[in-house]
């Protein structure tokens, strides 16, 4: 490992900030908030060079950090990013300081512990996105679970204990399935090659018998499907979102759910490409059901936060479809839509949190007519809503369009069913907006509402700018993914009901001590 270990700094700086907060016994609430904001902003600033230093035509992971950690069992400290993980890292570092700001006045109980856990959560999530050793990946996956459990269970709503326990049980079941699969794969590789390793790239393409691949793929896939969450594993999500504090809901929707889709792309599919082909039709059907089901259930919600939660089930169904149609447009759209959903749904939860601070209710029927009372809030909410429903020139349009295009190439029925999800999404979002913002201002509590202050506007404006950036200049994001997508979508003679399949990428893993891979290729054409 040479040069500046930028990824290690990004991963462990939040943890260092959390320890400072916990050990600084004389710090008051204001100092604690300032430390949390300062550390999270520093991490974001340090992550920005990843975008500009990332070489779009380089094959394999970049910003490599690779050291022997536990040589007796082949565990390495192996970090790196590629086109699949770059924007998820940036999304995490971008949203964390905004979550600190939204909690500035909202969290009055156990302030020290809250902000420490928030920073620990950032460490766990970033670690998952940059770890290229399966042991390290699983370690960070479990680290993420603990802070979120306590954020929901201590600072959540009236049913927070139920929601926290449900979140924990669902996630831990998936984690245990993944652990068993990892250990089996590790032992099989050792028996076949005599090499002890958890290196993801060395484990790709292991010549497992078909029946073993079947069960191992299911173990990995179910673990990640629970985290997405895919239909029918989604039932923990509305409770967790509804009861979590605003910052918890934002990070849960924006980045924690993406750990599931990222895990499918990084592990489940490239480790077991034959099984990915075999199960693709079933997974596509489940993804399409999730799109329509999430939209229809969102439509009948009376709690605006629960409505946004069910919209996540629908939106992430698009990501699943984009992955399993197995073509370039679909995968480009899926990766971009992970980022888009993080921005749009994260902003919606921020907006819900801002109004909840004022009214202490989330029932749509308790509002109405507040567009005149809060014009700035109305305007920003409108932009975020249009982003969520996929209006052209905003980020949501690009990702959904690419996924539907990929779906059409795989089968017209996929595009048709997926398109209905966009229609239903517009229906439930616009209907909610009408009831929430318009009509008579006939409730005394709403007549006393104050519009957004400078802090709240400052939280939302960067997200809205990012929405327009992706919507207008999407190529600045898509070109960074080209090689990762092309390498994942390697042409194959294997036929599939839904087209060409993902196969293990021809990844060039740099030698220990190098900063990034040097082999360059032009993006492959389908």
Protein backbone atom coordinates (compact mmCIF):
# COMPACT_ATOMS: atom_id res chain seq x y z
CA UNK A 1 0.00 0.00 0.00
CA UNK A 2 1.62 3.22 -1.16
CA UNK A 3 0.62 6.85 -1.28
CA UNK A 4 -2.29 8.25 0.71
CA UNK A 5 -4.67 5.50 1.90
CA UNK A 6 -7.69 7.55 0.95
CA UNK A 7 -10.22 4.75 1.31
CA UNK A 8 -9.01 3.82 4.79
CA UNK A 9 -9.24 7.46 5.82
CA UNK A 10 -12.80 7.69 4.49
CA UNK A 11 -13.87 4.50 6.24
CA UNK A 12 -12.29 5.08 9.64
CA UNK A 13 -12.47 8.88 10.01
CA UNK A 14 -16.17 8.69 11.03
CA UNK A 15 -15.30 5.99 13.57
CA UNK A 16 -12.55 8.23 14.97
CA UNK A 17 -15.08 11.08 15.19
CA UNK A 18 -17.49 8.80 17.04
CA UNK A 19 -14.80 7.88 19.56
CA UNK A 20 -13.95 11.57 20.10
CA UNK A 21 -17.61 12.29 20.81
CA UNK A 22 -17.92 9.39 23.25
CA UNK A 23 -14.67 10.07 25.10
CA UNK A 24 -14.96 13.87 25.30
CA UNK A 25 -16.85 13.88 28.57
CA UNK A 26 -16.89 17.68 29.02
CA UNK A 27 -18.40 18.37 25.61
CA UNK A 28 -21.88 19.87 25.63
CA UNK A 29 -24.55 19.17 23.01
CA UNK A 30 -23.42 22.05 20.81
CA UNK A 31 -19.82 20.80 20.74
CA UNK A 32 -20.97 17.26 19.97
CA UNK A 33 -23.04 18.44 17.02
CA UNK A 34 -20.14 20.53 15.73
CA UNK A 35 -17.73 17.59 15.93
CA UNK A 36 -20.17 15.32 14.10
CA UNK A 37 -20.76 17.92 11.40
CA UNK A 38 -17.06 18.71 11.05
CA UNK A 39 -16.04 15.07 10.73
CA UNK A 40 -18.81 14.21 8.25
CA UNK A 41 -18.02 17.28 6.13
CA UNK A 42 -14.32 16.40 6.16
CA UNK A 43 -15.11 12.88 4.98
CA UNK A 44 -17.24 14.26 2.15
CA UNK A 45 -14.53 16.72 1.06
CA UNK A 46 -11.94 13.93 1.09
CA UNK A 47 -14.23 11.71 -1.01
CA UNK A 48 -14.65 14.25 -3.83
CA UNK A 49 -11.19 13.51 -5.34
CA UNK A 50 -12.36 9.92 -5.89
CA UNK A 51 -14.68 11.20 -8.62
CA UNK A 52 -12.04 13.31 -10.35
CA UNK A 53 -9.25 10.77 -9.85
CA UNK A 54 -11.28 7.82 -11.09
CA UNK A 55 -10.16 6.72 -14.57
CA UNK A 56 -13.21 5.70 -16.60
CA UNK A 57 -11.32 3.37 -18.95
CA UNK A 58 -9.39 1.45 -16.29
CA UNK A 59 -10.29 -2.19 -15.81
CA UNK A 60 -10.62 -3.42 -12.25
CA UNK A 61 -10.66 -1.67 -8.89
CA UNK A 62 -8.85 1.61 -8.32
CA UNK A 63 -7.39 3.33 -5.25
CA UNK A 64 -6.26 -0.12 -4.13
CA UNK A 65 -5.21 -0.75 -0.53
CA UNK A 66 -4.09 -4.33 0.01
CA UNK A 67 -2.29 -5.77 3.02
CA UNK A 68 -2.08 -9.19 4.60
CA UNK A 69 -4.26 -9.19 7.72
CA UNK A 70 -4.78 -12.75 9.01
CA UNK A 71 -2.46 -14.81 6.78
CA UNK A 72 -3.20 -18.11 8.54
CA UNK A 73 -6.70 -18.16 7.02
CA UNK A 74 -6.02 -15.97 3.97
CA UNK A 75 -7.79 -12.80 5.13
CA UNK A 76 -6.53 -9.58 3.52
CA UNK A 77 -7.20 -5.94 4.20
CA UNK A 78 -8.27 -5.34 0.61
CA UNK A 79 -10.04 -2.11 -0.35
CA UNK A 80 -10.83 -0.62 -3.73
CA UNK A 81 -13.59 0.98 -5.80
CA UNK A 82 -14.83 0.59 -9.35
CA UNK A 83 -17.76 1.84 -11.39
CA UNK A 84 -20.19 -0.22 -9.33
CA UNK A 85 -19.21 1.32 -5.99
CA UNK A 86 -17.86 4.80 -6.75
CA UNK A 87 -21.16 6.66 -6.64
CA UNK A 88 -22.49 4.71 -3.66
CA UNK A 89 -19.44 5.85 -1.68
CA UNK A 90 -20.01 9.45 -2.78
CA UNK A 91 -23.74 9.22 -2.02
CA UNK A 92 -22.97 8.06 1.53
CA UNK A 93 -20.44 10.79 2.26
CA UNK A 94 -22.71 13.41 0.66
CA UNK A 95 -25.81 12.59 2.71
CA UNK A 96 -24.23 12.00 6.13
CA UNK A 97 -23.49 15.68 6.92
CA UNK A 98 -27.02 16.54 5.78
CA UNK A 99 -28.34 13.95 8.24
CA UNK A 100 -26.31 15.61 10.99
CA UNK A 101 -27.84 18.96 10.08
CA UNK A 102 -31.41 17.66 9.99
CA UNK A 103 -30.88 16.25 13.51
CA UNK A 104 -29.43 19.51 14.82
CA UNK A 105 -32.50 20.62 16.77
CA UNK A 106 -34.48 17.40 16.58
CA UNK A 107 -32.32 15.21 18.83
CA UNK A 108 -32.39 16.35 22.45
CA UNK A 109 -32.18 12.98 24.23
CA UNK A 110 -28.77 11.29 24.52
CA UNK A 111 -27.21 13.62 21.95
CA UNK A 112 -23.71 12.21 22.44
CA UNK A 113 -24.76 8.64 21.71
CA UNK A 114 -26.94 9.59 18.75
CA UNK A 115 -24.25 11.39 16.78
CA UNK A 116 -21.63 8.79 17.67
CA UNK A 117 -23.87 6.04 16.33
CA UNK A 118 -24.59 8.07 13.19
CA UNK A 119 -20.86 8.27 12.44
CA UNK A 120 -20.34 4.59 13.24
CA UNK A 121 -23.09 3.79 10.75
CA UNK A 122 -21.21 5.73 8.07
CA UNK A 123 -18.10 3.65 8.76
CA UNK A 124 -20.03 0.39 8.36
CA UNK A 125 -21.72 1.43 5.12
CA UNK A 126 -18.56 2.80 3.49
CA UNK A 127 -16.70 -0.34 4.51
CA UNK A 128 -19.24 -2.53 2.71
CA UNK A 129 -18.90 -0.52 -0.51
CA UNK A 130 -15.08 -0.59 -0.62
CA UNK A 131 -14.25 -4.04 0.84
CA UNK A 132 -12.98 -6.53 -1.75
CA UNK A 133 -12.26 -9.32 0.72
CA UNK A 134 -15.31 -11.40 1.68
CA UNK A 135 -14.30 -11.62 5.34
CA UNK A 136 -13.88 -7.84 5.49
CA UNK A 137 -17.14 -7.32 3.57
CA UNK A 138 -19.05 -9.44 6.08
CA UNK A 139 -17.40 -7.67 9.01
CA UNK A 140 -18.52 -4.24 7.81
CA UNK A 141 -21.95 -5.65 6.94
CA UNK A 142 -22.43 -6.65 10.57
CA UNK A 143 -20.96 -3.37 11.89
CA UNK A 144 -23.70 -1.50 10.03
CA UNK A 145 -26.45 -3.45 11.78
CA UNK A 146 -25.67 -2.35 15.35
CA UNK A 147 -25.88 1.46 15.03
CA UNK A 148 -29.08 1.35 12.98
CA UNK A 149 -30.72 -0.96 15.51
CA UNK A 150 -30.04 1.52 18.31
CA UNK A 151 -30.95 4.59 16.21
CA UNK A 152 -34.39 3.11 15.63
CA UNK A 153 -34.80 1.57 19.08
CA UNK A 154 -33.81 4.63 21.16
CA UNK A 155 -34.74 7.68 19.08
CA UNK A 156 -37.63 6.23 17.07
CA UNK A 157 -41.38 6.65 17.37
CA UNK A 158 -43.90 5.01 19.71
CA UNK A 159 -43.46 1.52 18.20
CA UNK A 160 -39.69 1.83 17.93
CA UNK A 161 -38.84 -1.34 19.88
CA UNK A 162 -41.02 -3.50 17.64
CA UNK A 163 -39.57 -1.89 14.50
CA UNK A 164 -35.96 -2.19 15.73
CA UNK A 165 -36.32 -5.84 16.71
CA UNK A 166 -38.03 -6.66 13.40
CA UNK A 167 -35.26 -4.90 11.48
CA UNK A 168 -32.61 -6.76 13.48
CA UNK A 169 -34.21 -10.20 13.09
CA UNK A 170 -34.75 -9.90 9.34
CA UNK A 171 -31.22 -8.60 8.77
CA UNK A 172 -29.50 -11.12 11.02
CA UNK A 173 -31.25 -14.04 9.32
CA UNK A 174 -29.95 -12.82 5.99
CA UNK A 175 -26.49 -12.26 7.47
CA UNK A 176 -26.31 -15.80 8.82
CA UNK A 177 -27.33 -17.23 5.46
CA UNK A 178 -24.57 -15.23 3.82
CA UNK A 179 -22.01 -16.31 6.46
CA UNK A 180 -22.75 -20.00 5.88
CA UNK A 181 -22.41 -19.51 2.11
CA UNK A 182 -19.12 -17.61 2.52
CA UNK A 183 -17.61 -20.33 4.70
CA UNK A 184 -18.72 -23.09 2.32
CA UNK A 185 -17.29 -21.23 -0.68
CA UNK A 186 -14.03 -20.57 1.18
CA UNK A 187 -13.60 -24.23 2.12
CA UNK A 188 -14.48 -25.46 -1.37
CA UNK A 189 -11.93 -23.13 -2.95
CA UNK A 190 -9.27 -24.27 -0.49
CA UNK A 191 -9.97 -27.96 -1.21
CA UNK A 192 -9.87 -27.43 -4.98
CA UNK A 193 -6.85 -25.12 -5.24
CA UNK A 194 -5.00 -25.45 -1.96
CA UNK A 195 -5.20 -21.65 -1.59
CA UNK A 196 -6.82 -20.06 1.47
CA UNK A 197 -8.38 -16.77 0.43
CA UNK A 198 -11.43 -14.58 0.86
CA UNK A 199 -10.41 -12.42 -2.11
CA UNK A 200 -13.58 -11.85 -4.14
CA UNK A 201 -11.81 -11.88 -7.49
CA UNK A 202 -10.07 -15.18 -6.80
CA UNK A 203 -13.37 -16.73 -5.73
CA UNK A 204 -15.18 -15.64 -8.90
CA UNK A 205 -15.65 -18.57 -11.23
CA UNK A 206 -15.14 -21.32 -8.64
CA UNK A 207 -16.04 -24.62 -10.30
CA UNK A 208 -18.79 -25.62 -7.91
CA UNK A 209 -21.16 -28.48 -8.75
CA UNK A 210 -24.55 -27.27 -9.96
CA UNK A 211 -26.48 -28.41 -6.89
CA UNK A 212 -24.08 -26.56 -4.59
CA UNK A 213 -24.26 -23.41 -6.71
CA UNK A 214 -28.04 -23.60 -6.46
CA UNK A 215 -28.12 -23.38 -2.67
CA UNK A 216 -25.21 -20.96 -2.34
CA UNK A 217 -26.78 -18.55 -4.82
CA UNK A 218 -30.05 -18.71 -2.90
CA UNK A 219 -28.24 -18.03 0.39
CA UNK A 220 -26.45 -14.95 -0.98
CA UNK A 221 -29.46 -13.73 -2.93
CA UNK A 222 -31.94 -14.03 -0.05
CA UNK A 223 -29.51 -12.22 2.27
CA UNK A 224 -29.30 -9.32 -0.16
CA UNK A 225 -32.99 -9.46 -1.13
CA UNK A 226 -33.94 -8.95 2.53
CA UNK A 227 -31.74 -5.86 2.67
CA UNK A 228 -33.08 -4.36 -0.61
CA UNK A 229 -35.89 -5.26 0.43
CA UNK A 230 -37.50 -7.20 -2.41
CA UNK A 231 -41.03 -8.45 -2.41
CA UNK A 232 -41.90 -10.63 -0.42
CA UNK A 233 -39.06 -9.82 2.05
CA UNK A 234 -40.12 -6.19 2.41
CA UNK A 235 -42.37 -6.24 5.48
CA UNK A 236 -39.72 -4.94 7.90
CA UNK A 237 -39.14 -1.77 5.89
CA UNK A 238 -42.33 0.29 6.46
CA UNK A 239 -42.10 -0.23 10.24
CA UNK A 240 -38.41 0.68 10.35
CA UNK A 241 -38.93 3.80 8.22
CA UNK A 242 -42.02 4.97 10.08
CA UNK A 243 -40.44 4.64 13.53
CA UNK A 244 -36.88 5.74 12.74
CA UNK A 245 -35.75 9.32 13.39
CA UNK A 246 -35.44 11.43 10.25
CA UNK A 247 -31.68 10.91 9.87
CA UNK A 248 -32.15 7.18 10.30
CA UNK A 249 -34.87 7.07 7.63
CA UNK A 250 -32.72 9.05 5.21
CA UNK A 251 -29.67 6.82 5.58
CA UNK A 252 -31.78 3.67 5.61
CA UNK A 253 -33.49 4.57 2.34
CA UNK A 254 -30.57 6.27 0.63
CA UNK A 255 -27.65 3.95 1.34
CA UNK A 256 -28.48 0.94 3.55
CA UNK A 257 -31.00 -0.48 1.09
CA UNK A 258 -28.39 -0.12 -1.68
CA UNK A 259 -26.16 -2.53 0.19
CA UNK A 260 -28.58 -5.23 -0.93
CA UNK A 261 -28.57 -4.34 -4.63
CA UNK A 262 -24.82 -3.74 -4.50
CA UNK A 263 -24.30 -7.17 -2.90
CA UNK A 264 -26.28 -8.82 -5.69
CA UNK A 265 -24.10 -7.11 -8.30
CA UNK A 266 -20.81 -7.61 -6.47
CA UNK A 267 -21.28 -11.16 -5.16
CA UNK A 268 -24.45 -13.14 -5.91
CA UNK A 269 -24.39 -12.80 -9.70
CA UNK A 270 -20.64 -12.95 -10.51
CA UNK A 271 -20.01 -15.80 -8.06
CA UNK A 272 -22.82 -17.94 -9.50
CA UNK A 273 -23.60 -16.76 -13.06
CA UNK A 274 -25.28 -20.02 -14.07
CA UNK A 275 -27.71 -19.81 -11.18
CA UNK A 276 -28.32 -16.13 -11.89
CA UNK A 277 -29.47 -17.22 -15.38
CA UNK A 278 -31.57 -20.01 -13.93
CA UNK A 279 -33.40 -17.83 -11.40
CA UNK A 280 -33.60 -14.68 -13.55
CA UNK A 281 -37.20 -15.21 -14.77
CA UNK A 282 -38.46 -15.75 -11.21
CA UNK A 283 -36.50 -12.77 -9.85
CA UNK A 284 -37.77 -10.55 -12.67
CA UNK A 285 -41.35 -11.49 -11.85
CA UNK A 286 -40.76 -10.71 -8.17
CA UNK A 287 -39.15 -7.39 -9.13
CA UNK A 288 -42.12 -6.44 -11.30
CA UNK A 289 -44.56 -7.49 -8.58
CA UNK A 290 -42.62 -5.28 -6.17
CA UNK A 291 -42.91 -2.33 -8.56
CA UNK A 292 -46.68 -2.57 -8.87
CA UNK A 293 -47.41 -3.80 -5.35
CA UNK A 294 -45.30 -1.09 -3.69
CA UNK A 295 -47.04 1.58 -5.76
CA UNK A 296 -50.55 0.31 -5.03
CA UNK A 297 -49.95 -0.04 -1.29
CA UNK A 298 -48.35 3.41 -1.19
CA UNK A 299 -51.48 4.83 -2.78
CA UNK A 300 -53.71 3.89 0.17
CA UNK A 301 -51.41 5.09 2.96
CA UNK A 302 -52.65 7.82 5.30
CA UNK A 303 -49.21 8.38 6.89
CA UNK A 304 -46.96 10.28 4.50
CA UNK A 305 -43.81 8.65 5.86
CA UNK A 306 -45.22 5.18 5.32
CA UNK A 307 -46.23 6.22 1.80
CA UNK A 308 -42.63 7.17 1.03
CA UNK A 309 -41.45 3.89 2.60
CA UNK A 310 -43.65 1.79 0.29
CA UNK A 311 -42.51 3.89 -2.66
CA UNK A 312 -39.00 2.54 -1.93
CA UNK A 313 -40.27 -1.01 -2.46
CA UNK A 314 -41.56 0.08 -5.86
CA UNK A 315 -38.48 2.05 -6.90
CA UNK A 316 -36.04 -0.66 -5.87
CA UNK A 317 -38.06 -3.16 -7.89
CA UNK A 318 -36.82 -1.20 -10.92
CA UNK A 319 -33.22 -1.71 -9.79
CA UNK A 320 -33.76 -5.48 -9.50
CA UNK A 321 -35.27 -5.56 -12.99
CA UNK A 322 -32.36 -3.53 -14.36
CA UNK A 323 -29.86 -6.03 -12.95
CA UNK A 324 -31.60 -9.20 -14.10
CA UNK A 325 -32.47 -8.21 -17.66
CA UNK A 326 -28.73 -8.72 -18.22
CA UNK A 327 -27.98 -6.05 -20.79
CA UNK A 328 -25.97 -2.86 -20.87
CA UNK A 329 -28.85 -0.39 -20.72
CA UNK A 330 -30.51 -2.21 -17.84
CA UNK A 331 -27.37 -2.41 -15.72
CA UNK A 332 -26.41 1.21 -16.40
CA UNK A 333 -29.92 2.20 -15.35
CA UNK A 334 -29.85 0.01 -12.25
CA UNK A 335 -26.59 1.50 -10.92
CA UNK A 336 -27.72 5.04 -11.68
CA UNK A 337 -31.15 4.39 -10.18
CA UNK A 338 -29.52 3.36 -6.89
CA UNK A 339 -28.08 6.86 -6.68
CA UNK A 340 -31.29 8.49 -7.93
CA UNK A 341 -33.42 6.72 -5.34
CA UNK A 342 -30.98 7.73 -2.62
CA UNK A 343 -31.30 11.39 -3.56
CA UNK A 344 -35.05 11.51 -4.24
CA UNK A 345 -36.31 9.34 -1.39
CA UNK A 346 -33.72 10.73 1.00
CA UNK A 347 -34.96 14.24 0.20
CA UNK A 348 -38.59 13.15 0.68
CA UNK A 349 -37.79 11.83 4.15
CA UNK A 350 -35.99 15.09 4.96
CA UNK A 351 -39.06 17.06 3.90
CA UNK A 352 -41.33 14.84 5.98
CA UNK A 353 -39.02 15.28 8.96
CA UNK A 354 -39.09 19.06 8.59
CA UNK A 355 -42.88 19.24 8.68
CA UNK A 356 -43.04 16.70 11.52
CA UNK A 357 -40.80 18.93 13.64
CA UNK A 358 -43.44 21.66 13.29
CA UNK A 359 -46.67 19.68 13.57
CA UNK A 360 -45.73 16.38 15.26
CA UNK A 361 -48.04 14.50 12.94
CA UNK A 362 -47.52 12.74 9.61
CA UNK A 363 -51.17 12.07 8.72
CA UNK A 364 -51.99 13.53 5.31
CA UNK A 365 -55.48 14.43 6.53
CA UNK A 366 -53.97 16.74 9.17
CA UNK A 367 -52.63 19.04 6.49
CA UNK A 368 -54.03 20.90 3.48
CA UNK A 369 -53.59 24.41 2.17
CA UNK A 370 -50.01 24.78 3.39
CA UNK A 371 -48.68 25.77 -0.05
CA UNK A 372 -49.67 29.37 0.71
CA UNK A 373 -48.38 29.20 4.27
CA UNK A 374 -45.00 27.67 3.34
CA UNK A 375 -44.18 28.68 -0.27
CA UNK A 376 -40.47 27.74 -0.10
CA UNK A 377 -41.31 24.34 1.35
CA UNK A 378 -43.96 23.89 -1.35
CA UNK A 379 -41.52 24.75 -4.16
CA UNK A 380 -38.72 22.46 -2.96
CA UNK A 381 -41.15 19.64 -2.22
CA UNK A 382 -42.53 19.94 -5.76
CA UNK A 383 -39.07 19.55 -7.33
CA UNK A 384 -38.27 16.50 -5.19
CA UNK A 385 -41.66 14.95 -5.99
CA UNK A 386 -41.13 15.45 -9.73
CA UNK A 387 -37.72 13.84 -9.41
CA UNK A 388 -39.29 10.84 -7.69
CA UNK A 389 -41.91 10.35 -10.42
CA UNK A 390 -39.30 10.60 -13.18
CA UNK A 391 -39.85 13.97 -14.84
CA UNK A 392 -37.40 14.63 -17.72
CA UNK A 393 -34.44 16.89 -16.81
CA UNK A 394 -34.42 15.38 -13.32
CA UNK A 395 -32.44 12.37 -12.15
CA UNK A 396 -35.27 9.84 -11.83
CA UNK A 397 -36.10 9.98 -15.53
CA UNK A 398 -32.68 8.82 -16.74
CA UNK A 399 -32.44 5.73 -14.55
CA UNK A 400 -36.00 4.53 -15.17
CA UNK A 401 -35.74 5.16 -18.91
CA UNK A 402 -32.57 3.07 -19.19
CA UNK A 403 -34.11 0.25 -17.13
CA UNK A 404 -37.26 0.20 -19.27
CA UNK A 405 -35.12 0.27 -22.41
CA UNK A 406 -33.14 -2.68 -21.10
CA UNK A 407 -36.39 -4.39 -20.14
CA UNK A 408 -37.76 -3.89 -23.64
CA UNK A 409 -34.65 -5.50 -25.14
CA UNK A 410 -35.10 -8.50 -22.85
CA UNK A 411 -38.86 -8.80 -23.35
CA UNK A 412 -41.60 -6.31 -24.13
CA UNK A 413 -43.74 -7.61 -21.23
CA UNK A 414 -41.04 -6.47 -18.78
CA UNK A 415 -41.13 -2.92 -20.14
CA UNK A 416 -44.93 -2.81 -20.19
CA UNK A 417 -45.38 -3.95 -16.60
CA UNK A 418 -42.51 -1.72 -15.43
CA UNK A 419 -44.04 1.28 -17.18
CA UNK A 420 -47.26 0.83 -15.20
CA UNK A 421 -45.18 1.31 -12.05
CA UNK A 422 -44.18 4.76 -13.28
CA UNK A 423 -47.81 5.61 -13.93
CA UNK A 424 -48.92 4.42 -10.49
CA UNK A 425 -45.99 6.30 -8.94
CA UNK A 426 -47.17 9.54 -10.48
CA UNK A 427 -50.72 8.83 -9.26
CA UNK A 428 -49.92 8.24 -5.60
CA UNK A 429 -47.32 11.00 -5.39
CA UNK A 430 -49.43 13.67 -7.07
CA UNK A 431 -52.56 12.67 -5.15
CA UNK A 432 -50.65 12.89 -1.88
CA UNK A 433 -49.25 16.28 -2.92
CA UNK A 434 -52.70 17.60 -3.76
CA UNK A 435 -54.15 16.63 -0.38
CA UNK A 436 -51.06 17.73 1.50
CA UNK A 437 -50.43 21.11 -0.12
CA UNK A 438 -53.70 22.38 -1.56
CA UNK A 439 -57.27 22.85 -0.44
CA UNK A 440 -58.56 25.13 2.33
CA UNK A 441 -56.19 26.17 5.12
CA UNK A 442 -58.80 25.30 7.74
CA UNK A 443 -56.71 23.97 10.63
CA UNK A 444 -55.41 26.47 13.18
CA UNK A 445 -52.15 24.55 13.67
CA UNK A 446 -51.36 24.85 9.96
CA UNK A 447 -52.03 28.59 9.97
CA UNK A 448 -49.16 29.03 12.42
CA UNK A 449 -46.62 27.02 10.43
CA UNK A 450 -43.32 28.75 9.69
CA UNK A 451 -41.58 28.31 6.36
CA UNK A 452 -38.17 26.67 6.01
CA UNK A 453 -35.24 28.41 7.66
CA UNK A 454 -31.74 28.84 6.21
CA UNK A 455 -30.47 25.56 7.71
CA UNK A 456 -33.29 23.54 6.17
CA UNK A 457 -32.96 25.22 2.78
CA UNK A 458 -29.21 24.58 2.93
CA UNK A 459 -29.90 20.87 3.50
CA UNK A 460 -32.23 20.51 0.51
CA UNK A 461 -30.59 22.71 -2.12
CA UNK A 462 -27.45 20.52 -2.61
CA UNK A 463 -29.63 17.46 -3.16
CA UNK A 464 -31.82 19.30 -5.68
CA UNK A 465 -28.74 20.54 -7.54
CA UNK A 466 -27.50 16.94 -7.74
CA UNK A 467 -30.90 15.90 -9.13
CA UNK A 468 -30.63 18.43 -11.96
CA UNK A 469 -26.97 17.54 -12.57
CA UNK A 470 -27.78 13.86 -13.12
CA UNK A 471 -30.91 14.67 -15.13
CA UNK A 472 -29.21 17.12 -17.49
CA UNK A 473 -25.65 15.79 -17.67
CA UNK A 474 -26.10 12.10 -16.89
CA UNK A 475 -23.10 11.16 -19.03
CA UNK A 476 -20.78 12.49 -16.32
CA UNK A 477 -22.06 9.59 -14.20
CA UNK A 478 -22.69 6.93 -16.83
CA UNK A 479 -19.23 7.12 -18.42
CA UNK A 480 -17.64 6.34 -15.06
CA UNK A 481 -19.62 3.07 -15.03
CA UNK A 482 -18.91 2.02 -18.63
CA UNK A 483 -16.01 -0.34 -18.04
CA UNK A 484 -17.53 -1.93 -14.93
CA UNK A 485 -20.77 -2.53 -16.82
CA UNK A 486 -19.00 -3.83 -19.94
CA UNK A 487 -16.80 -6.15 -17.92
CA UNK A 488 -19.81 -7.50 -16.04
CA UNK A 489 -21.83 -7.96 -19.22
CA UNK A 490 -19.43 -10.23 -21.04
CA UNK A 491 -20.98 -11.85 -24.11
CA UNK A 492 -21.67 -15.53 -23.60
CA UNK A 493 -22.78 -18.47 -25.69
CA UNK A 494 -25.12 -19.47 -22.86
CA UNK A 495 -28.72 -18.70 -23.78
CA UNK A 496 -31.23 -17.39 -21.28
CA UNK A 497 -34.92 -16.52 -21.34
CA UNK A 498 -34.00 -12.91 -20.77
CA UNK A 499 -30.91 -12.45 -22.90
CA UNK A 500 -27.16 -12.43 -22.30
CA UNK A 501 -26.06 -12.91 -18.73
CA UNK A 502 -23.69 -11.47 -16.24
CA UNK A 503 -20.51 -13.48 -15.98
CA UNK A 504 -17.44 -12.98 -13.78
CA UNK A 505 -15.67 -9.84 -14.87
CA UNK A 506 -12.22 -10.09 -16.43
CA UNK A 507 -10.92 -8.01 -13.58
CA UNK A 508 -7.31 -6.97 -13.41
CA UNK A 509 -6.32 -6.97 -9.75
CA UNK A 510 -3.28 -4.74 -9.25
CA UNK A 511 -0.27 -6.09 -7.47
CA UNK A 512 0.13 -5.24 -3.83
CA UNK A 513 1.51 -1.77 -3.38
CA UNK A 514 0.02 -0.21 -6.49
CA UNK A 515 -2.38 2.69 -6.27
CA UNK A 516 -4.66 1.67 -9.14
CA UNK A 517 -4.91 -0.68 -12.07
CA UNK A 518 -3.15 0.38 -15.26
CA UNK A 519 -4.71 -1.85 -17.90
CA UNK A 520 -7.12 0.15 -20.02
CA UNK A 521 -9.78 -1.01 -22.44
CA UNK A 522 -12.52 0.57 -24.50
CA UNK A 523 -16.06 -0.17 -23.33
CA UNK A 524 -17.34 -3.37 -24.86
CA UNK A 525 -20.35 -3.26 -27.15
CA UNK A 526 -23.30 -5.58 -26.71
